[in-house]
PDB file of all heavy atoms in Angstrom:
ATOM      1  N   LYS A   1      -9.075  25.901  -9.641  1.00  0.00           N
ATOM      2  CA  LYS A   1     -10.089  25.024 -10.166  1.00  0.00           C
ATOM      3  C   LYS A   1      -9.488  23.714 -10.650  1.00  0.00           C
ATOM      4  O   LYS A   1     -10.019  22.626 -10.524  1.00  0.00           O
ATOM      5  CB  LYS A   1     -10.927  25.685 -11.203  1.00  0.00           C
ATOM      6  CG  LYS A   1     -11.921  26.697 -10.708  1.00  0.00           C
ATOM      7  CD  LYS A   1     -12.771  27.273 -11.771  1.00  0.00           C
ATOM      8  CE  LYS A   1     -13.792  28.272 -11.230  1.00  0.00           C
ATOM      9  NZ  LYS A   1     -14.572  28.907 -12.295  1.00  0.00           N
ATOM     10  N   LEU A   2      -8.339  23.851 -11.333  1.00  0.00           N
ATOM     11  CA  LEU A   2      -7.701  22.703 -11.936  1.00  0.00           C
ATOM     12  C   LEU A   2      -7.244  21.655 -10.907  1.00  0.00           C
ATOM     13  O   LEU A   2      -7.287  20.453 -11.224  1.00  0.00           O
ATOM     14  CB  LEU A   2      -6.512  23.178 -12.778  1.00  0.00           C
ATOM     15  CG  LEU A   2      -6.805  23.795 -14.141  1.00  0.00           C
ATOM     16  CD1 LEU A   2      -5.524  24.348 -14.760  1.00  0.00           C
ATOM     17  CD2 LEU A   2      -7.478  22.803 -15.085  1.00  0.00           C
ATOM     18  N   VAL A   3      -6.828  22.070  -9.824  1.00  0.00           N
ATOM     19  CA  VAL A   3      -6.256  21.092  -8.822  1.00  0.00           C
ATOM     20  C   VAL A   3      -7.288  20.490  -7.824  1.00  0.00           C
ATOM     21  O   VAL A   3      -6.947  19.648  -7.049  1.00  0.00           O
ATOM     22  CB  VAL A   3      -5.069  21.723  -8.046  1.00  0.00           C
ATOM     23  CG1 VAL A   3      -3.997  22.083  -8.960  1.00  0.00           C
ATOM     24  CG2 VAL A   3      -5.554  22.940  -7.209  1.00  0.00           C
ATOM     25  N   ILE A   4      -8.495  21.062  -7.904  1.00  0.00           N
ATOM     26  CA  ILE A   4      -9.553  20.501  -6.975  1.00  0.00           C
ATOM     27  C   ILE A   4     -10.175  19.342  -7.695  1.00  0.00           C
ATOM     28  O   ILE A   4     -10.733  19.414  -8.753  1.00  0.00           O
ATOM     29  CB  ILE A   4     -10.625  21.584  -6.678  1.00  0.00           C
ATOM     30  CG1 ILE A   4     -10.003  22.715  -5.880  1.00  0.00           C
ATOM     31  CG2 ILE A   4     -11.813  20.923  -5.987  1.00  0.00           C
ATOM     32  CD1 ILE A   4     -10.962  23.723  -5.513  1.00  0.00           C
ATOM     33  N   ILE A   5     -10.071  18.143  -7.031  1.00  0.00           N
ATOM     34  CA  ILE A   5     -10.760  16.928  -7.501  1.00  0.00           C
ATOM     35  C   ILE A   5     -11.650  16.362  -6.392  1.00  0.00           C
ATOM     36  O   ILE A   5     -11.353  16.611  -5.211  1.00  0.00           O
ATOM     37  CB  ILE A   5      -9.746  15.920  -8.025  1.00  0.00           C
ATOM     38  CG1 ILE A   5      -8.858  15.387  -6.856  1.00  0.00           C
ATOM     39  CG2 ILE A   5      -8.905  16.452  -9.147  1.00  0.00           C
ATOM     40  CD1 ILE A   5      -7.935  14.213  -7.310  1.00  0.00           C
ATOM     41  N   GLN A   6     -12.608  15.642  -6.800  1.00  0.00           N
ATOM     42  CA  GLN A   6     -13.475  14.968  -5.850  1.00  0.00           C
ATOM     43  C   GLN A   6     -12.784  13.771  -5.239  1.00  0.00           C
ATOM     44  O   GLN A   6     -12.334  12.865  -5.982  1.00  0.00           O
ATOM     45  CB  GLN A   6     -14.820  14.606  -6.468  1.00  0.00           C
ATOM     46  CG  GLN A   6     -15.865  14.029  -5.442  1.00  0.00           C
ATOM     47  CD  GLN A   6     -17.140  13.741  -6.158  1.00  0.00           C
ATOM     48  OE1 GLN A   6     -17.321  13.911  -7.346  1.00  0.00           O
ATOM     49  NE2 GLN A   6     -18.163  13.297  -5.341  1.00  0.00           N
ATOM     50  N   ILE A   7     -12.623  13.749  -3.940  1.00  0.00           N
ATOM     51  CA  ILE A   7     -11.886  12.645  -3.347  1.00  0.00           C
ATOM     52  C   ILE A   7     -12.849  11.651  -2.676  1.00  0.00           C
ATOM     53  O   ILE A   7     -13.954  12.017  -2.283  1.00  0.00           O
ATOM     54  CB  ILE A   7     -10.842  13.145  -2.331  1.00  0.00           C
ATOM     55  CG1 ILE A   7     -11.552  13.811  -1.111  1.00  0.00           C
ATOM     56  CG2 ILE A   7      -9.831  14.064  -2.978  1.00  0.00           C
ATOM     57  CD1 ILE A   7     -10.609  14.160   0.040  1.00  0.00           C
ATOM     58  N   SER A   8     -12.401  10.428  -2.527  1.00  0.00           N
ATOM     59  CA  SER A   8     -13.181   9.395  -1.965  1.00  0.00           C
ATOM     60  C   SER A   8     -12.985   9.218  -0.463  1.00  0.00           C
ATOM     61  O   SER A   8     -13.883   9.117   0.412  1.00  0.00           O
ATOM     62  CB  SER A   8     -12.959   8.039  -2.671  1.00  0.00           C
ATOM     63  OG  SER A   8     -11.555   7.789  -2.753  1.00  0.00           O
ATOM     64  N   ASN A   9     -11.678   9.173  -0.066  1.00  0.00           N
ATOM     65  CA  ASN A   9     -11.314   9.053   1.370  1.00  0.00           C
ATOM     66  C   ASN A   9     -10.066   9.926   1.698  1.00  0.00           C
ATOM     67  O   ASN A   9      -9.212  10.090   0.790  1.00  0.00           O
ATOM     68  CB  ASN A   9     -10.998   7.625   1.684  1.00  0.00           C
ATOM     69  CG  ASN A   9     -12.086   6.613   1.320  1.00  0.00           C
ATOM     70  OD1 ASN A   9     -13.120   6.582   1.977  1.00  0.00           O
ATOM     71  ND2 ASN A   9     -11.859   5.854   0.244  1.00  0.00           N
ATOM     72  N   LEU A  10      -9.993  10.350   2.950  1.00  0.00           N
ATOM     73  CA  LEU A  10      -8.788  11.022   3.348  1.00  0.00           C
ATOM     74  C   LEU A  10      -7.791  10.050   3.945  1.00  0.00           C
ATOM     75  O   LEU A  10      -8.160   8.948   4.352  1.00  0.00           O
ATOM     76  CB  LEU A  10      -9.138  12.043   4.478  1.00  0.00           C
ATOM     77  CG  LEU A  10      -9.714  13.414   3.945  1.00  0.00           C
ATOM     78  CD1 LEU A  10     -10.137  14.278   5.144  1.00  0.00           C
ATOM     79  CD2 LEU A  10      -8.581  14.205   3.196  1.00  0.00           C
ATOM     80  N   ILE A  11      -6.539  10.407   3.890  1.00  0.00           N
ATOM     81  CA  ILE A  11      -5.458   9.595   4.392  1.00  0.00           C
ATOM     82  C   ILE A  11      -5.650   9.174   5.855  1.00  0.00           C
ATOM     83  O   ILE A  11      -5.232   8.171   6.299  1.00  0.00           O
ATOM     84  CB  ILE A  11      -4.105  10.154   4.146  1.00  0.00           C
ATOM     85  CG1 ILE A  11      -3.046   9.112   4.290  1.00  0.00           C
ATOM     86  CG2 ILE A  11      -3.844  11.375   5.018  1.00  0.00           C
ATOM     87  CD1 ILE A  11      -1.657   9.557   3.762  1.00  0.00           C
ATOM     88  N   THR A  12      -6.310  10.057   6.535  1.00  0.00           N
ATOM     89  CA  THR A  12      -6.580   9.805   7.992  1.00  0.00           C
ATOM     90  C   THR A  12      -7.523   8.587   8.182  1.00  0.00           C
ATOM     91  O   THR A  12      -7.610   8.060   9.277  1.00  0.00           O
ATOM     92  CB  THR A  12      -7.202  10.999   8.661  1.00  0.00           C
ATOM     93  OG1 THR A  12      -8.289  11.485   7.884  1.00  0.00           O
ATOM     94  CG2 THR A  12      -6.179  12.114   8.843  1.00  0.00           C
ATOM     95  N   ASP A  13      -8.226   8.204   7.121  1.00  0.00           N
ATOM     96  CA  ASP A  13      -9.125   7.048   7.172  1.00  0.00           C
ATOM     97  C   ASP A  13      -8.449   5.750   6.731  1.00  0.00           C
ATOM     98  O   ASP A  13      -9.075   4.713   6.729  1.00  0.00           O
ATOM     99  CB  ASP A  13     -10.374   7.323   6.347  1.00  0.00           C
ATOM    100  CG  ASP A  13     -11.163   8.560   6.819  1.00  0.00           C
ATOM    101  OD1 ASP A  13     -11.267   8.681   8.069  1.00  0.00           O
ATOM    102  OD2 ASP A  13     -11.636   9.295   6.008  1.00  0.00           O
ATOM    103  N   ARG A  14      -7.240   5.827   6.276  1.00  0.00           N
ATOM    104  CA  ARG A  14      -6.534   4.671   5.761  1.00  0.00           C
ATOM    105  C   ARG A  14      -6.314   3.627   6.860  1.00  0.00           C
ATOM    106  O   ARG A  14      -5.999   3.945   7.996  1.00  0.00           O
ATOM    107  CB  ARG A  14      -5.162   5.064   5.117  1.00  0.00           C
ATOM    108  CG  ARG A  14      -4.531   4.013   4.305  1.00  0.00           C
ATOM    109  CD  ARG A  14      -3.343   4.539   3.565  1.00  0.00           C
ATOM    110  NE  ARG A  14      -2.258   4.908   4.491  1.00  0.00           N
ATOM    111  CZ  ARG A  14      -1.147   5.468   4.083  1.00  0.00           C
ATOM    112  NH1 ARG A  14      -0.898   5.763   2.817  1.00  0.00           N
ATOM    113  NH2 ARG A  14      -0.230   5.839   4.996  1.00  0.00           N
ATOM    114  N   PRO A  15      -6.528   2.382   6.568  1.00  0.00           N
ATOM    115  CA  PRO A  15      -6.452   1.299   7.583  1.00  0.00           C
ATOM    116  C   PRO A  15      -5.046   1.208   8.220  1.00  0.00           C
ATOM    117  O   PRO A  15      -4.036   1.560   7.574  1.00  0.00           O
ATOM    118  CB  PRO A  15      -6.706   0.021   6.784  1.00  0.00           C
ATOM    119  CG  PRO A  15      -7.439   0.443   5.574  1.00  0.00           C
ATOM    120  CD  PRO A  15      -6.905   1.831   5.228  1.00  0.00           C
ATOM    121  N   ASP A  16      -5.001   0.839   9.481  1.00  0.00           N
ATOM    122  CA  ASP A  16      -3.724   0.721  10.183  1.00  0.00           C
ATOM    123  C   ASP A  16      -2.788  -0.258   9.526  1.00  0.00           C
ATOM    124  O   ASP A  16      -1.551  -0.123   9.604  1.00  0.00           O
ATOM    125  CB  ASP A  16      -3.951   0.314  11.651  1.00  0.00           C
ATOM    126  CG  ASP A  16      -4.595   1.430  12.443  1.00  0.00           C
ATOM    127  OD1 ASP A  16      -4.466   2.596  12.049  1.00  0.00           O
ATOM    128  OD2 ASP A  16      -5.201   1.156  13.506  1.00  0.00           O
ATOM    129  N   LEU A  17      -3.342  -1.304   8.934  1.00  0.00           N
ATOM    130  CA  LEU A  17      -2.479  -2.286   8.226  1.00  0.00           C
ATOM    131  C   LEU A  17      -1.643  -1.624   7.178  1.00  0.00           C
ATOM    132  O   LEU A  17      -0.510  -1.962   6.934  1.00  0.00           O
ATOM    133  CB  LEU A  17      -3.377  -3.384   7.625  1.00  0.00           C
ATOM    134  CG  LEU A  17      -3.979  -4.455   8.575  1.00  0.00           C
ATOM    135  CD1 LEU A  17      -4.922  -5.340   7.880  1.00  0.00           C
ATOM    136  CD2 LEU A  17      -2.840  -5.255   9.283  1.00  0.00           C
ATOM    137  N   ALA A  18      -2.249  -0.668   6.515  1.00  0.00           N
ATOM    138  CA  ALA A  18      -1.536   0.099   5.481  1.00  0.00           C
ATOM    139  C   ALA A  18      -0.551   1.048   6.088  1.00  0.00           C
ATOM    140  O   ALA A  18       0.585   1.182   5.695  1.00  0.00           O
ATOM    141  CB  ALA A  18      -2.499   0.841   4.550  1.00  0.00           C
ATOM    142  N   ASN A  19      -1.027   1.795   7.077  1.00  0.00           N
ATOM    143  CA  ASN A  19      -0.164   2.808   7.722  1.00  0.00           C
ATOM    144  C   ASN A  19       1.119   2.141   8.367  1.00  0.00           C
ATOM    145  O   ASN A  19       2.200   2.762   8.365  1.00  0.00           O
ATOM    146  CB  ASN A  19      -0.933   3.540   8.850  1.00  0.00           C
ATOM    147  CG  ASN A  19      -2.087   4.329   8.307  1.00  0.00           C
ATOM    148  OD1 ASN A  19      -2.021   4.778   7.145  1.00  0.00           O
ATOM    149  ND2 ASN A  19      -3.099   4.527   9.090  1.00  0.00           N
ATOM    150  N   ASN A  20       0.916   0.936   8.903  1.00  0.00           N
ATOM    151  CA  ASN A  20       2.000   0.245   9.602  1.00  0.00           C
ATOM    152  C   ASN A  20       2.850  -0.615   8.667  1.00  0.00           C
ATOM    153  O   ASN A  20       3.729  -1.381   9.185  1.00  0.00           O
ATOM    154  CB  ASN A  20       1.492  -0.521  10.775  1.00  0.00           C
ATOM    155  CG  ASN A  20       0.813   0.313  11.770  1.00  0.00           C
ATOM    156  OD1 ASN A  20       1.189   1.493  11.933  1.00  0.00           O
ATOM    157  ND2 ASN A  20      -0.203  -0.246  12.491  1.00  0.00           N
ATOM    158  N   ARG A  21       2.563  -0.630   7.452  1.00  0.00           N
ATOM    159  CA  ARG A  21       3.347  -1.449   6.417  1.00  0.00           C
ATOM    160  C   ARG A  21       3.307  -2.937   6.791  1.00  0.00           C
ATOM    161  O   ARG A  21       4.358  -3.603   6.706  1.00  0.00           O
ATOM    162  CB  ARG A  21       4.793  -0.942   6.359  1.00  0.00           C
ATOM    163  CG  ARG A  21       4.936   0.558   6.064  1.00  0.00           C
ATOM    164  CD  ARG A  21       6.366   0.975   6.094  1.00  0.00           C
ATOM    165  NE  ARG A  21       6.503   2.376   6.064  1.00  0.00           N
ATOM    166  CZ  ARG A  21       6.583   3.166   4.966  1.00  0.00           C
ATOM    167  NH1 ARG A  21       6.448   2.592   3.735  1.00  0.00           N
ATOM    168  NH2 ARG A  21       6.764   4.454   5.063  1.00  0.00           N
ATOM    169  N   GLU A  22       2.145  -3.413   7.161  1.00  0.00           N
ATOM    170  CA  GLU A  22       2.077  -4.835   7.589  1.00  0.00           C
ATOM    171  C   GLU A  22       1.784  -5.832   6.497  1.00  0.00           C
ATOM    172  O   GLU A  22       1.709  -7.002   6.755  1.00  0.00           O
ATOM    173  CB  GLU A  22       1.031  -4.938   8.716  1.00  0.00           C
ATOM    174  CG  GLU A  22       1.454  -4.141   9.991  1.00  0.00           C
ATOM    175  CD  GLU A  22       0.350  -4.306  11.074  1.00  0.00           C
ATOM    176  OE1 GLU A  22      -0.410  -5.286  11.073  1.00  0.00           O
ATOM    177  OE2 GLU A  22       0.288  -3.397  11.918  1.00  0.00           O
ATOM    178  N   ARG A  23       1.464  -5.320   5.283  1.00  0.00           N
ATOM    179  CA  ARG A  23       1.144  -6.208   4.215  1.00  0.00           C
ATOM    180  C   ARG A  23       1.550  -5.647   2.893  1.00  0.00           C
ATOM    181  O   ARG A  23       1.845  -4.464   2.757  1.00  0.00           O
ATOM    182  CB  ARG A  23      -0.411  -6.415   4.232  1.00  0.00           C
ATOM    183  CG  ARG A  23      -1.139  -5.108   3.926  1.00  0.00           C
ATOM    184  CD  ARG A  23      -2.632  -5.158   4.132  1.00  0.00           C
ATOM    185  NE  ARG A  23      -3.256  -3.865   3.793  1.00  0.00           N
ATOM    186  CZ  ARG A  23      -4.492  -3.601   4.048  1.00  0.00           C
ATOM    187  NH1 ARG A  23      -5.314  -4.503   4.583  1.00  0.00           N
ATOM    188  NH2 ARG A  23      -5.025  -2.399   3.751  1.00  0.00           N
ATOM    189  N   LEU A  24       1.533  -6.441   1.883  1.00  0.00           N
ATOM    190  CA  LEU A  24       1.793  -5.973   0.526  1.00  0.00           C
ATOM    191  C   LEU A  24       0.468  -5.460  -0.076  1.00  0.00           C
ATOM    192  O   LEU A  24      -0.600  -5.876   0.330  1.00  0.00           O
ATOM    193  CB  LEU A  24       2.335  -7.158  -0.344  1.00  0.00           C
ATOM    194  CG  LEU A  24       3.641  -7.780   0.004  1.00  0.00           C
ATOM    195  CD1 LEU A  24       3.928  -8.981  -0.858  1.00  0.00           C
ATOM    196  CD2 LEU A  24       4.766  -6.776  -0.027  1.00  0.00           C
ATOM    197  N   GLY A  25       0.617  -4.572  -1.051  1.00  0.00           N
ATOM    198  CA  GLY A  25      -0.528  -4.088  -1.763  1.00  0.00           C
ATOM    199  C   GLY A  25      -1.108  -2.744  -1.391  1.00  0.00           C
ATOM    200  O   GLY A  25      -2.122  -2.331  -1.915  1.00  0.00           O
ATOM    201  N   ASP A  26      -0.389  -2.058  -0.489  1.00  0.00           N
ATOM    202  CA  ASP A  26      -0.749  -0.664  -0.189  1.00  0.00           C
ATOM    203  C   ASP A  26       0.160   0.260  -0.972  1.00  0.00           C
ATOM    204  O   ASP A  26       1.330   0.428  -0.605  1.00  0.00           O
ATOM    205  CB  ASP A  26      -0.659  -0.400   1.335  1.00  0.00           C
ATOM    206  CG  ASP A  26      -1.661  -1.248   2.114  1.00  0.00           C
ATOM    207  OD1 ASP A  26      -2.868  -1.072   1.887  1.00  0.00           O
ATOM    208  OD2 ASP A  26      -1.197  -2.080   2.903  1.00  0.00           O
ATOM    209  N   TRP A  27      -0.360   0.831  -2.049  1.00  0.00           N
ATOM    210  CA  TRP A  27       0.513   1.565  -2.967  1.00  0.00           C
ATOM    211  C   TRP A  27       0.356   3.064  -2.827  1.00  0.00           C
ATOM    212  O   TRP A  27      -0.730   3.591  -2.488  1.00  0.00           O
ATOM    213  CB  TRP A  27       0.058   1.176  -4.426  1.00  0.00           C
ATOM    214  CG  TRP A  27       0.191  -0.276  -4.733  1.00  0.00           C
ATOM    215  CD1 TRP A  27      -0.720  -1.239  -4.552  1.00  0.00           C
ATOM    216  CD2 TRP A  27       1.374  -0.881  -5.268  1.00  0.00           C
ATOM    217  NE1 TRP A  27      -0.211  -2.448  -5.013  1.00  0.00           N
ATOM    218  CE2 TRP A  27       1.099  -2.291  -5.389  1.00  0.00           C
ATOM    219  CE3 TRP A  27       2.671  -0.457  -5.648  1.00  0.00           C
ATOM    220  CZ2 TRP A  27       1.984  -3.196  -5.870  1.00  0.00           C
ATOM    221  CZ3 TRP A  27       3.557  -1.306  -6.146  1.00  0.00           C
ATOM    222  CH2 TRP A  27       3.245  -2.719  -6.258  1.00  0.00           C
TER     223      TRP A  27
END
């Protein structure tokens, strides 16, 4: 129960710009 949190988005939905390291600001 302690480790289950409500999440907003899965990593599979992360933009390609973030996945490909094309910009600053993806932390």
